[in-house]
Amino acid sequence: MKLTIITTIIGIMVALAMNANGNVQTVCEHKDLSISCCDEDHVLSVTDASYGRHDKTTCPSSAIYTTSCHASNSLDTVKAACNGKTSCSIGASNSVFGDPCSGTVKYLSVKYTCSCK
């Protein structure tokens, strides 16, 4: 019994530590990004988001003309779609965020945490 309780407490502490640092999900342009919390008692809180391009290694392509573009509405758009929900999905596309760097293949990166309702 004591071992089960100790194991449960350690599991909870590890989960809390991981959520303190946040989770990061990234998807390439024209894909849907789906994020969720581990259970129905937790909700999403988006802490950072960027639709654009910041490097050549994420979503490699021959159509990379800049590595310094970012849709300024990224964070607000993802927060509006996801904050306070247990899960959400948002498209990584110019139709959602606008086109911050025409001709360059982009991606969406989202950092989030889950917290108790």
PDB file of N, CA and C in Angstrom:
ATOM      1  N   MET A   1       0.816  -1.193   0.000  1.00  0.00           N
ATOM      2  CA  MET A   1       0.000   0.000   0.000  1.00  0.00           C
ATOM      3  C   MET A   1       0.861   1.258   0.000  1.00  0.00           C
ATOM      4  N   LYS A   2       1.884   1.313   0.885  1.00  0.00           N
ATOM      5  CA  LYS A   2       2.760   2.477   0.949  1.00  0.00           C
ATOM      6  C   LYS A   2       3.491   2.667  -0.376  1.00  0.00           C
ATOM      7  N   LEU A   3       3.942   1.570  -0.988  1.00  0.00           N
ATOM      8  CA  LEU A   3       4.661   1.646  -2.251  1.00  0.00           C
ATOM      9  C   LEU A   3       3.765   2.221  -3.353  1.00  0.00           C
ATOM     10  N   THR A   4       2.510   1.831  -3.385  1.00  0.00           N
ATOM     11  CA  THR A   4       1.563   2.342  -4.384  1.00  0.00           C
ATOM     12  C   THR A   4       1.366   3.842  -4.207  1.00  0.00           C
ATOM     13  N   ILE A   5       1.226   4.289  -2.988  1.00  0.00           N
ATOM     14  CA  ILE A   5       1.029   5.713  -2.715  1.00  0.00           C
ATOM     15  C   ILE A   5       2.274   6.494  -3.109  1.00  0.00           C
ATOM     16  N   ILE A   6       3.441   5.999  -2.750  1.00  0.00           N
ATOM     17  CA  ILE A   6       4.695   6.679  -3.093  1.00  0.00           C
ATOM     18  C   ILE A   6       4.864   6.732  -4.610  1.00  0.00           C
ATOM     19  N   THR A   7       4.585   5.645  -5.310  1.00  0.00           N
ATOM     20  CA  THR A   7       4.686   5.608  -6.766  1.00  0.00           C
ATOM     21  C   THR A   7       3.729   6.610  -7.400  1.00  0.00           C
ATOM     22  N   THR A   8       2.524   6.692  -6.877  1.00  0.00           N
ATOM     23  CA  THR A   8       1.535   7.643  -7.393  1.00  0.00           C
ATOM     24  C   THR A   8       2.001   9.078  -7.185  1.00  0.00           C
ATOM     25  N   ILE A   9       2.515   9.384  -6.015  1.00  0.00           N
ATOM     26  CA  ILE A   9       3.001  10.735  -5.718  1.00  0.00           C
ATOM     27  C   ILE A   9       4.163  11.093  -6.629  1.00  0.00           C
ATOM     28  N   ILE A  10       5.086  10.182  -6.845  1.00  0.00           N
ATOM     29  CA  ILE A  10       6.224  10.438  -7.736  1.00  0.00           C
ATOM     30  C   ILE A  10       5.725  10.683  -9.157  1.00  0.00           C
ATOM     31  N   GLY A  11       4.758   9.901  -9.604  1.00  0.00           N
ATOM     32  CA  GLY A  11       4.190  10.088 -10.946  1.00  0.00           C
ATOM     33  C   GLY A  11       3.564  11.465 -11.113  1.00  0.00           C
ATOM     34  N   ILE A  12       2.847  11.908 -10.101  1.00  0.00           N
ATOM     35  CA  ILE A  12       2.219  13.229 -10.136  1.00  0.00           C
ATOM     36  C   ILE A  12       3.285  14.320 -10.161  1.00  0.00           C
ATOM     37  N   MET A  13       4.330  14.158  -9.377  1.00  0.00           N
ATOM     38  CA  MET A  13       5.398  15.156  -9.341  1.00  0.00           C
ATOM     39  C   MET A  13       6.108  15.254 -10.685  1.00  0.00           C
ATOM     40  N   VAL A  14       6.365  14.126 -11.334  1.00  0.00           N
ATOM     41  CA  VAL A  14       7.002  14.122 -12.646  1.00  0.00           C
ATOM     42  C   VAL A  14       6.100  14.812 -13.669  1.00  0.00           C
ATOM     43  N   ALA A  15       4.820  14.504 -13.642  1.00  0.00           N
ATOM     44  CA  ALA A  15       3.874  15.127 -14.582  1.00  0.00           C
ATOM     45  C   ALA A  15       3.826  16.634 -14.385  1.00  0.00           C
ATOM     46  N   LEU A  16       3.815  17.090 -13.142  1.00  0.00           N
ATOM     47  CA  LEU A  16       3.799  18.519 -12.867  1.00  0.00           C
ATOM     48  C   LEU A  16       5.077  19.190 -13.340  1.00  0.00           C
ATOM     49  N   ALA A  17       6.217  18.546 -13.141  1.00  0.00           N
ATOM     50  CA  ALA A  17       7.495  19.107 -13.585  1.00  0.00           C
ATOM     51  C   ALA A  17       7.538  19.225 -15.096  1.00  0.00           C
ATOM     52  N   MET A  18       7.036  18.220 -15.802  1.00  0.00           N
ATOM     53  CA  MET A  18       7.013  18.266 -17.262  1.00  0.00           C
ATOM     54  C   MET A  18       6.113  19.393 -17.741  1.00  0.00           C
ATOM     55  N   ASN A  19       4.961  19.575 -17.128  1.00  0.00           N
ATOM     56  CA  ASN A  19       4.043  20.623 -17.539  1.00  0.00           C
ATOM     57  C   ASN A  19       4.563  22.014 -17.185  1.00  0.00           C
ATOM     58  N   ALA A  20       5.389  22.124 -16.157  1.00  0.00           N
ATOM     59  CA  ALA A  20       5.955  23.420 -15.809  1.00  0.00           C
ATOM     60  C   ALA A  20       6.836  23.925 -16.938  1.00  0.00           C
ATOM     61  N   ASN A  21       7.537  23.021 -17.600  1.00  0.00           N
ATOM     62  CA  ASN A  21       8.397  23.404 -18.709  1.00  0.00           C
ATOM     63  C   ASN A  21       7.616  23.550 -20.001  1.00  0.00           C
ATOM     64  N   GLY A  22       6.479  22.950 -20.095  1.00  0.00           N
ATOM     65  CA  GLY A  22       5.647  23.033 -21.279  1.00  0.00           C
ATOM     66  C   GLY A  22       5.947  21.940 -22.278  1.00  0.00           C
ATOM     67  N   ASN A  23       4.974  21.706 -23.105  1.00  0.00           N
ATOM     68  CA  ASN A  23       5.082  20.749 -24.195  1.00  0.00           C
ATOM     69  C   ASN A  23       5.171  21.545 -25.484  1.00  0.00           C
ATOM     70  N   VAL A  24       5.874  21.012 -26.471  1.00  0.00           N
ATOM     71  CA  VAL A  24       5.983  21.683 -27.764  1.00  0.00           C
ATOM     72  C   VAL A  24       5.587  20.713 -28.861  1.00  0.00           C
ATOM     73  N   GLN A  25       4.698  21.170 -29.738  1.00  0.00           N
ATOM     74  CA  GLN A  25       4.296  20.402 -30.908  1.00  0.00           C
ATOM     75  C   GLN A  25       4.557  21.257 -32.145  1.00  0.00           C
ATOM     76  N   THR A  26       5.013  20.611 -33.208  1.00  0.00           N
ATOM     77  CA  THR A  26       5.285  21.300 -34.463  1.00  0.00           C
ATOM     78  C   THR A  26       4.724  20.492 -35.617  1.00  0.00           C
ATOM     79  N   VAL A  27       4.092  21.178 -36.577  1.00  0.00           N
ATOM     80  CA  VAL A  27       3.618  20.527 -37.803  1.00  0.00           C
ATOM     81  C   VAL A  27       3.975  21.398 -38.997  1.00  0.00           C
ATOM     82  N   CYS A  28       4.151  20.731 -40.123  1.00  0.00           N
ATOM     83  CA  CYS A  28       4.474  21.424 -41.366  1.00  0.00           C
ATOM     84  C   CYS A  28       3.230  22.073 -41.956  1.00  0.00           C
ATOM     85  N   GLU A  29       3.463  23.073 -42.799  1.00  0.00           N
ATOM     86  CA  GLU A  29       2.383  23.771 -43.495  1.00  0.00           C
ATOM     87  C   GLU A  29       1.452  22.778 -44.186  1.00  0.00           C
ATOM     88  N   HIS A  30       0.173  23.085 -44.186  1.00  0.00           N
ATOM     89  CA  HIS A  30      -0.908  22.285 -44.779  1.00  0.00           C
ATOM     90  C   HIS A  30      -1.289  21.058 -43.948  1.00  0.00           C
ATOM     91  N   LYS A  31      -0.775  20.963 -42.727  1.00  0.00           N
ATOM     92  CA  LYS A  31      -1.145  19.886 -41.807  1.00  0.00           C
ATOM     93  C   LYS A  31      -1.906  20.488 -40.643  1.00  0.00           C
ATOM     94  N   ASP A  32      -2.624  19.641 -39.913  1.00  0.00           N
ATOM     95  CA  ASP A  32      -3.316  20.081 -38.706  1.00  0.00           C
ATOM     96  C   ASP A  32      -2.488  19.752 -37.481  1.00  0.00           C
ATOM     97  N   LEU A  33      -2.376  20.705 -36.573  1.00  0.00           N
ATOM     98  CA  LEU A  33      -1.704  20.485 -35.301  1.00  0.00           C
ATOM     99  C   LEU A  33      -2.771  20.175 -34.266  1.00  0.00           C
ATOM    100  N   SER A  34      -2.615  19.049 -33.579  1.00  0.00           N
ATOM    101  CA  SER A  34      -3.556  18.648 -32.532  1.00  0.00           C
ATOM    102  C   SER A  34      -2.805  18.539 -31.218  1.00  0.00           C
ATOM    103  N   ILE A  35      -3.326  19.186 -30.200  1.00  0.00           N
ATOM    104  CA  ILE A  35      -2.738  19.100 -28.868  1.00  0.00           C
ATOM    105  C   ILE A  35      -3.836  18.745 -27.875  1.00  0.00           C
ATOM    106  N   SER A  36      -3.435  18.107 -26.790  1.00  0.00           N
ATOM    107  CA  SER A  36      -4.424  17.743 -25.778  1.00  0.00           C
ATOM    108  C   SER A  36      -3.741  17.541 -24.433  1.00  0.00           C
ATOM    109  N   CYS A  37      -4.552  17.616 -23.411  1.00  0.00           N
ATOM    110  CA  CYS A  37      -4.091  17.323 -22.057  1.00  0.00           C
ATOM    111  C   CYS A  37      -4.347  15.847 -21.775  1.00  0.00           C
ATOM    112  N   CYS A  38      -3.686  15.342 -20.749  1.00  0.00           N
ATOM    113  CA  CYS A  38      -3.725  13.906 -20.468  1.00  0.00           C
ATOM    114  C   CYS A  38      -5.087  13.419 -19.965  1.00  0.00           C
ATOM    115  N   ASP A  39      -5.894  14.310 -19.406  1.00  0.00           N
ATOM    116  CA  ASP A  39      -7.204  13.878 -18.923  1.00  0.00           C
ATOM    117  C   ASP A  39      -8.186  15.039 -18.931  1.00  0.00           C
ATOM    118  N   GLU A  40      -9.439  14.737 -18.667  1.00  0.00           N
ATOM    119  CA  GLU A  40     -10.523  15.718 -18.725  1.00  0.00           C
ATOM    120  C   GLU A  40     -10.484  16.746 -17.587  1.00  0.00           C
ATOM    121  N   ASP A  41      -9.636  16.518 -16.572  1.00  0.00           N
ATOM    122  CA  ASP A  41      -9.535  17.449 -15.455  1.00  0.00           C
ATOM    123  C   ASP A  41      -8.540  18.576 -15.709  1.00  0.00           C
ATOM    124  N   HIS A  42      -7.897  18.564 -16.893  1.00  0.00           N
ATOM    125  CA  HIS A  42      -6.896  19.570 -17.221  1.00  0.00           C
ATOM    126  C   HIS A  42      -7.283  20.305 -18.500  1.00  0.00           C
ATOM    127  N   VAL A  43      -6.848  21.558 -18.593  1.00  0.00           N
ATOM    128  CA  VAL A  43      -7.127  22.363 -19.784  1.00  0.00           C
ATOM    129  C   VAL A  43      -5.830  22.957 -20.330  1.00  0.00           C
ATOM    130  N   LEU A  44      -5.866  23.257 -21.615  1.00  0.00           N
ATOM    131  CA  LEU A  44      -4.711  23.803 -22.314  1.00  0.00           C
ATOM    132  C   LEU A  44      -4.495  25.275 -21.983  1.00  0.00           C
ATOM    133  N   SER A  45      -3.228  25.641 -21.930  1.00  0.00           N
ATOM    134  CA  SER A  45      -2.830  27.039 -21.831  1.00  0.00           C
ATOM    135  C   SER A  45      -1.649  27.225 -22.771  1.00  0.00           C
ATOM    136  N   VAL A  46      -1.869  27.916 -23.874  1.00  0.00           N
ATOM    137  CA  VAL A  46      -0.824  28.129 -24.874  1.00  0.00           C
ATOM    138  C   VAL A  46       0.084  29.254 -24.400  1.00  0.00           C
ATOM    139  N   THR A  47       1.397  28.983 -24.355  1.00  0.00           N
ATOM    140  CA  THR A  47       2.350  29.974 -23.869  1.00  0.00           C
ATOM    141  C   THR A  47       3.172  30.601 -24.988  1.00  0.00           C
ATOM    142  N   ASP A  48       3.248  29.930 -26.143  1.00  0.00           N
ATOM    143  CA  ASP A  48       3.987  30.484 -27.273  1.00  0.00           C
ATOM    144  C   ASP A  48       3.513  29.793 -28.544  1.00  0.00           C
ATOM    145  N   ALA A  49       3.539  30.510 -29.640  1.00  0.00           N
ATOM    146  CA  ALA A  49       3.163  29.928 -30.929  1.00  0.00           C
ATOM    147  C   ALA A  49       3.808  30.737 -32.040  1.00  0.00           C
ATOM    148  N   SER A  50       4.211  30.037 -33.089  1.00  0.00           N
ATOM    149  CA  SER A  50       4.770  30.728 -34.240  1.00  0.00           C
ATOM    150  C   SER A  50       4.439  29.967 -35.515  1.00  0.00           C
ATOM    151  N   TYR A  51       3.819  30.666 -36.455  1.00  0.00           N
ATOM    152  CA  TYR A  51       3.615  30.156 -37.807  1.00  0.00           C
ATOM    153  C   TYR A  51       4.562  30.940 -38.696  1.00  0.00           C
ATOM    154  N   GLY A  52       5.491  30.238 -39.293  1.00  0.00           N
ATOM    155  CA  GLY A  52       6.500  30.879 -40.131  1.00  0.00           C
ATOM    156  C   GLY A  52       7.657  29.939 -40.344  1.00  0.00           C
ATOM    157  N   ARG A  53       8.866  30.484 -40.331  1.00  0.00           N
ATOM    158  CA  ARG A  53      10.068  29.660 -40.477  1.00  0.00           C
ATOM    159  C   ARG A  53      11.208  30.317 -39.729  1.00  0.00           C
ATOM    160  N   HIS A  54      11.923  29.481 -38.933  1.00  0.00           N
ATOM    161  CA  HIS A  54      13.036  29.969 -38.125  1.00  0.00           C
ATOM    162  C   HIS A  54      14.312  29.167 -38.331  1.00  0.00           C
ATOM    163  N   ASP A  55      14.248  28.089 -39.124  1.00  0.00           N
ATOM    164  CA  ASP A  55      15.433  27.278 -39.402  1.00  0.00           C
ATOM    165  C   ASP A  55      15.217  26.505 -40.701  1.00  0.00           C
ATOM    166  N   LYS A  56      16.260  25.829 -41.157  1.00  0.00           N
ATOM    167  CA  LYS A  56      16.154  25.040 -42.395  1.00  0.00           C
ATOM    168  C   LYS A  56      15.881  23.567 -42.133  1.00  0.00           C
ATOM    169  N   THR A  57      15.988  23.128 -40.881  1.00  0.00           N
ATOM    170  CA  THR A  57      15.878  21.694 -40.578  1.00  0.00           C
ATOM    171  C   THR A  57      14.453  21.235 -40.294  1.00  0.00           C
ATOM    172  N   THR A  58      13.627  22.105 -39.741  1.00  0.00           N
ATOM    173  CA  THR A  58      12.232  21.743 -39.478  1.00  0.00           C
ATOM    174  C   THR A  58      11.468  21.803 -40.794  1.00  0.00           C
ATOM    175  N   CYS A  59      10.768  20.736 -41.124  1.00  0.00           N
ATOM    176  CA  CYS A  59      10.013  20.659 -42.383  1.00  0.00           C
ATOM    177  C   CYS A  59      10.902  21.035 -43.571  1.00  0.00           C
ATOM    178  N   PRO A  60      11.951  20.240 -43.819  1.00  0.00           N
ATOM    179  CA  PRO A  60      12.886  20.568 -44.904  1.00  0.00           C
ATOM    180  C   PRO A  60      12.188  20.663 -46.264  1.00  0.00           C
ATOM    181  N   SER A  61      12.694  21.574 -47.088  1.00  0.00           N
ATOM    182  CA  SER A  61      12.114  21.798 -48.405  1.00  0.00           C
ATOM    183  C   SER A  61      13.120  22.558 -49.268  1.00  0.00           C
ATOM    184  N   SER A  62      12.948  22.453 -50.574  1.00  0.00           N
ATOM    185  CA  SER A  62      13.773  23.260 -51.475  1.00  0.00           C
ATOM    186  C   SER A  62      13.215  24.684 -51.572  1.00  0.00           C
ATOM    187  N   ALA A  63      12.008  24.896 -51.058  1.00  0.00           N
ATOM    188  CA  ALA A  63      11.368  26.213 -51.092  1.00  0.00           C
ATOM    189  C   ALA A  63      11.550  26.948 -49.771  1.00  0.00           C
ATOM    190  N   ILE A  64      12.802  27.205 -49.404  1.00  0.00           N
ATOM    191  CA  ILE A  64      13.113  27.977 -48.198  1.00  0.00           C
ATOM    192  C   ILE A  64      13.936  29.178 -48.638  1.00  0.00           C
ATOM    193  N   TYR A  65      13.310  30.352 -48.604  1.00  0.00           N
ATOM    194  CA  TYR A  65      13.981  31.568 -49.046  1.00  0.00           C
ATOM    195  C   TYR A  65      14.327  32.492 -47.896  1.00  0.00           C
ATOM    196  N   THR A  66      13.795  32.186 -46.723  1.00  0.00           N
ATOM    197  CA  THR A  66      14.120  32.947 -45.520  1.00  0.00           C
ATOM    198  C   THR A  66      13.943  32.033 -44.308  1.00  0.00           C
ATOM    199  N   THR A  67      14.699  32.313 -43.272  1.00  0.00           N
ATOM    200  CA  THR A  67      14.534  31.576 -42.013  1.00  0.00           C
ATOM    201  C   THR A  67      14.212  32.558 -40.872  1.00  0.00           C
ATOM    202  N   SER A  68      13.654  33.686 -41.242  1.00  0.00           N
ATOM    203  CA  SER A  68      13.297  34.659 -40.205  1.00  0.00           C
ATOM    204  C   SER A  68      11.943  35.293 -40.521  1.00  0.00           C
ATOM    205  N   CYS A  69      10.913  34.443 -40.549  1.00  0.00           N
ATOM    206  CA  CYS A  69       9.573  34.999 -40.738  1.00  0.00           C
ATOM    207  C   CYS A  69       8.628  34.400 -39.705  1.00  0.00           C
ATOM    208  N   HIS A  70       7.651  35.192 -39.335  1.00  0.00           N
ATOM    209  CA  HIS A  70       6.733  34.818 -38.260  1.00  0.00           C
ATOM    210  C   HIS A  70       5.443  35.601 -38.447  1.00  0.00           C
ATOM    211  N   ALA A  71       4.310  34.918 -38.426  1.00  0.00           N
ATOM    212  CA  ALA A  71       3.015  35.596 -38.479  1.00  0.00           C
ATOM    213  C   ALA A  71       2.749  36.223 -37.111  1.00  0.00           C
ATOM    214  N   SER A  72       2.585  37.529 -37.081  1.00  0.00           N
ATOM    215  CA  SER A  72       2.446  38.238 -35.802  1.00  0.00           C
ATOM    216  C   SER A  72       1.191  37.855 -35.029  1.00  0.00           C
ATOM    217  N   ASN A  73       0.219  37.263 -35.718  1.00  0.00           N
ATOM    218  CA  ASN A  73      -1.019  36.850 -35.044  1.00  0.00           C
ATOM    219  C   ASN A  73      -0.973  35.405 -34.538  1.00  0.00           C
ATOM    220  N   SER A  74       0.176  34.746 -34.640  1.00  0.00           N
ATOM    221  CA  SER A  74       0.287  33.323 -34.290  1.00  0.00           C
ATOM    222  C   SER A  74      -0.202  33.011 -32.881  1.00  0.00           C
ATOM    223  N   LEU A  75       0.351  33.689 -31.902  1.00  0.00           N
ATOM    224  CA  LEU A  75       0.009  33.382 -30.513  1.00  0.00           C
ATOM    225  C   LEU A  75      -1.462  33.656 -30.225  1.00  0.00           C
ATOM    226  N   ASP A  76      -1.957  34.807 -30.620  1.00  0.00           N
ATOM    227  CA  ASP A  76      -3.362  35.139 -30.356  1.00  0.00           C
ATOM    228  C   ASP A  76      -4.310  34.165 -31.044  1.00  0.00           C
ATOM    229  N   THR A  77      -3.976  33.747 -32.265  1.00  0.00           N
ATOM    230  CA  THR A  77      -4.831  32.835 -33.024  1.00  0.00           C
ATOM    231  C   THR A  77      -4.904  31.465 -32.352  1.00  0.00           C
ATOM    232  N   VAL A  78      -3.750  30.944 -31.931  1.00  0.00           N
ATOM    233  CA  VAL A  78      -3.734  29.623 -31.294  1.00  0.00           C
ATOM    234  C   VAL A  78      -4.370  29.691 -29.911  1.00  0.00           C
ATOM    235  N   LYS A  79      -4.119  30.755 -29.166  1.00  0.00           N
ATOM    236  CA  LYS A  79      -4.761  30.904 -27.858  1.00  0.00           C
ATOM    237  C   LYS A  79      -6.279  30.907 -27.996  1.00  0.00           C
ATOM    238  N   ALA A  80      -6.798  31.641 -28.972  1.00  0.00           N
ATOM    239  CA  ALA A  80      -8.245  31.727 -29.172  1.00  0.00           C
ATOM    240  C   ALA A  80      -8.839  30.361 -29.510  1.00  0.00           C
ATOM    241  N   ALA A  81      -8.089  29.550 -30.236  1.00  0.00           N
ATOM    242  CA  ALA A  81      -8.591  28.240 -30.643  1.00  0.00           C
ATOM    243  C   ALA A  81      -8.458  27.183 -29.550  1.00  0.00           C
ATOM    244  N   CYS A  82      -7.492  27.350 -28.646  1.00  0.00           N
ATOM    245  CA  CYS A  82      -7.145  26.242 -27.750  1.00  0.00           C
ATOM    246  C   CYS A  82      -7.265  26.504 -26.247  1.00  0.00           C
ATOM    247  N   ASN A  83      -7.006  27.706 -25.795  1.00  0.00           N
ATOM    248  CA  ASN A  83      -6.971  27.940 -24.347  1.00  0.00           C
ATOM    249  C   ASN A  83      -8.287  27.567 -23.669  1.00  0.00           C
ATOM    250  N   GLY A  84      -8.164  26.870 -22.541  1.00  0.00           N
ATOM    251  CA  GLY A  84      -9.330  26.485 -21.751  1.00  0.00           C
ATOM    252  C   GLY A  84     -10.001  25.206 -22.200  1.00  0.00           C
ATOM    253  N   LYS A  85      -9.501  24.592 -23.266  1.00  0.00           N
ATOM    254  CA  LYS A  85     -10.073  23.337 -23.756  1.00  0.00           C
ATOM    255  C   LYS A  85      -9.179  22.169 -23.350  1.00  0.00           C
ATOM    256  N   THR A  86      -9.729  20.969 -23.347  1.00  0.00           N
ATOM    257  CA  THR A  86      -8.914  19.788 -23.040  1.00  0.00           C
ATOM    258  C   THR A  86      -8.129  19.333 -24.263  1.00  0.00           C
ATOM    259  N   SER A  87      -8.597  19.694 -25.458  1.00  0.00           N
ATOM    260  CA  SER A  87      -7.869  19.384 -26.694  1.00  0.00           C
ATOM    261  C   SER A  87      -8.310  20.352 -27.780  1.00  0.00           C
ATOM    262  N   CYS A  88      -7.479  20.503 -28.801  1.00  0.00           N
ATOM    263  CA  CYS A  88      -7.851  21.347 -29.935  1.00  0.00           C
ATOM    264  C   CYS A  88      -7.027  20.961 -31.144  1.00  0.00           C
ATOM    265  N   SER A  89      -7.475  21.437 -32.286  1.00  0.00           N
ATOM    266  CA  SER A  89      -6.775  21.200 -33.546  1.00  0.00           C
ATOM    267  C   SER A  89      -6.830  22.490 -34.348  1.00  0.00           C
ATOM    268  N   ILE A  90      -5.709  22.852 -34.969  1.00  0.00           N
ATOM    269  CA  ILE A  90      -5.651  24.076 -35.768  1.00  0.00           C
ATOM    270  C   ILE A  90      -4.777  23.818 -36.989  1.00  0.00           C
ATOM    271  N   GLY A  91      -5.184  24.352 -38.108  1.00  0.00           N
ATOM    272  CA  GLY A  91      -4.456  24.145 -39.350  1.00  0.00           C
ATOM    273  C   GLY A  91      -3.248  25.055 -39.464  1.00  0.00           C
ATOM    274  N   ALA A  92      -2.152  24.492 -39.926  1.00  0.00           N
ATOM    275  CA  ALA A  92      -0.944  25.272 -40.196  1.00  0.00           C
ATOM    276  C   ALA A  92      -1.023  25.736 -41.641  1.00  0.00           C
ATOM    277  N   SER A  93      -1.699  26.857 -41.843  1.00  0.00           N
ATOM    278  CA  SER A  93      -1.909  27.304 -43.220  1.00  0.00           C
ATOM    279  C   SER A  93      -2.011  28.821 -43.311  1.00  0.00           C
ATOM    280  N   ASN A  94      -1.750  29.320 -44.514  1.00  0.00           N
ATOM    281  CA  ASN A  94      -1.865  30.751 -44.767  1.00  0.00           C
ATOM    282  C   ASN A  94      -3.290  31.240 -44.593  1.00  0.00           C
ATOM    283  N   SER A  95      -4.272  30.366 -44.821  1.00  0.00           N
ATOM    284  CA  SER A  95      -5.666  30.778 -44.662  1.00  0.00           C
ATOM    285  C   SER A  95      -6.018  31.042 -43.195  1.00  0.00           C
ATOM    286  N   VAL A  96      -5.277  30.452 -42.278  1.00  0.00           N
ATOM    287  CA  VAL A  96      -5.510  30.668 -40.842  1.00  0.00           C
ATOM    288  C   VAL A  96      -4.682  31.843 -40.327  1.00  0.00           C
ATOM    289  N   PHE A  97      -3.412  31.925 -40.717  1.00  0.00           N
ATOM    290  CA  PHE A  97      -2.476  32.893 -40.141  1.00  0.00           C
ATOM    291  C   PHE A  97      -2.059  34.030 -41.076  1.00  0.00           C
ATOM    292  N   GLY A  98      -2.393  33.928 -42.365  1.00  0.00           N
ATOM    293  CA  GLY A  98      -1.829  34.850 -43.333  1.00  0.00           C
ATOM    294  C   GLY A  98      -0.497  34.292 -43.809  1.00  0.00           C
ATOM    295  N   ASP A  99       0.129  34.945 -44.772  1.00  0.00           N
ATOM    296  CA  ASP A  99       1.387  34.452 -45.334  1.00  0.00           C
ATOM    297  C   ASP A  99       2.538  35.378 -44.950  1.00  0.00           C
ATOM    298  N   PRO A 100       3.292  35.034 -43.898  1.00  0.00           N
ATOM    299  CA  PRO A 100       4.360  35.917 -43.433  1.00  0.00           C
ATOM    300  C   PRO A 100       5.605  35.908 -44.323  1.00  0.00           C
ATOM    301  N   CYS A 101       5.743  34.895 -45.201  1.00  0.00           N
ATOM    302  CA  CYS A 101       6.914  34.828 -46.084  1.00  0.00           C
ATOM    303  C   CYS A 101       6.541  34.053 -47.348  1.00  0.00           C
ATOM    304  N   SER A 102       6.049  34.801 -48.298  1.00  0.00           N
ATOM    305  CA  SER A 102       5.561  34.226 -49.548  1.00  0.00           C
ATOM    306  C   SER A 102       6.638  33.387 -50.236  1.00  0.00           C
ATOM    307  N   GLY A 103       6.241  32.204 -50.691  1.00  0.00           N
ATOM    308  CA  GLY A 103       7.152  31.323 -51.420  1.00  0.00           C
ATOM    309  C   GLY A 103       7.962  30.397 -50.546  1.00  0.00           C
ATOM    310  N   THR A 104       7.984  30.642 -49.251  1.00  0.00           N
ATOM    311  CA  THR A 104       8.746  29.810 -48.316  1.00  0.00           C
ATOM    312  C   THR A 104       7.797  28.832 -47.613  1.00  0.00           C
ATOM    313  N   VAL A 105       8.211  27.576 -47.529  1.00  0.00           N
ATOM    314  CA  VAL A 105       7.433  26.579 -46.792  1.00  0.00           C
ATOM    315  C   VAL A 105       7.539  26.894 -45.303  1.00  0.00           C
ATOM    316  N   LYS A 106       6.407  26.900 -44.637  1.00  0.00           N
ATOM    317  CA  LYS A 106       6.340  27.292 -43.237  1.00  0.00           C
ATOM    318  C   LYS A 106       5.947  26.118 -42.345  1.00  0.00           C
ATOM    319  N   TYR A 107       5.945  26.359 -41.047  1.00  0.00           N
ATOM    320  CA  TYR A 107       5.485  25.376 -40.075  1.00  0.00           C
ATOM    321  C   TYR A 107       4.910  26.106 -38.875  1.00  0.00           C
ATOM    322  N   LEU A 108       4.121  25.384 -38.109  1.00  0.00           N
ATOM    323  CA  LEU A 108       3.511  25.915 -36.898  1.00  0.00           C
ATOM    324  C   LEU A 108       4.095  25.196 -35.697  1.00  0.00           C
ATOM    325  N   SER A 109       4.642  25.962 -34.753  1.00  0.00           N
ATOM    326  CA  SER A 109       5.131  25.414 -33.485  1.00  0.00           C
ATOM    327  C   SER A 109       4.316  26.027 -32.354  1.00  0.00           C
ATOM    328  N   VAL A 110       3.880  25.168 -31.434  1.00  0.00           N
ATOM    329  CA  VAL A 110       3.061  25.629 -30.306  1.00  0.00           C
ATOM    330  C   VAL A 110       3.628  25.058 -29.015  1.00  0.00           C
ATOM    331  N   LYS A 111       3.836  25.940 -28.057  1.00  0.00           N
ATOM    332  CA  LYS A 111       4.251  25.514 -26.713  1.00  0.00           C
ATOM    333  C   LYS A 111       3.059  25.728 -25.793  1.00  0.00           C
ATOM    334  N   TYR A 112       2.777  24.710 -24.973  1.00  0.00           N
ATOM    335  CA  TYR A 112       1.602  24.779 -24.104  1.00  0.00           C
ATOM    336  C   TYR A 112       1.824  24.008 -22.817  1.00  0.00           C
ATOM    337  N   THR A 113       0.987  24.306 -21.858  1.00  0.00           N
ATOM    338  CA  THR A 113       0.954  23.548 -20.607  1.00  0.00           C
ATOM    339  C   THR A 113      -0.482  23.085 -20.377  1.00  0.00           C
ATOM    340  N   CYS A 114      -0.639  22.171 -19.454  1.00  0.00           N
ATOM    341  CA  CYS A 114      -1.958  21.721 -19.025  1.00  0.00           C
ATOM    342  C   CYS A 114      -2.077  22.021 -17.541  1.00  0.00           C
ATOM    343  N   SER A 115      -3.202  22.572 -17.164  1.00  0.00           N
ATOM    344  CA  SER A 115      -3.407  22.886 -15.757  1.00  0.00           C
ATOM    345  C   SER A 115      -4.786  22.422 -15.321  1.00  0.00           C
ATOM    346  N   CYS A 116      -4.948  22.246 -14.026  1.00  0.00           N
ATOM    347  CA  CYS A 116      -6.239  21.800 -13.493  1.00  0.00           C
ATOM    348  C   CYS A 116      -7.315  22.814 -13.804  1.00  0.00           C
ATOM    349  N   LYS A 117      -8.525  22.306 -14.048  1.00  0.00           N
ATOM    350  CA  LYS A 117      -9.665  23.194 -14.329  1.00  0.00           C
ATOM    351  C   LYS A 117      -9.984  24.049 -13.141  1.00  0.00           C
TER     352      LYS A 117
END
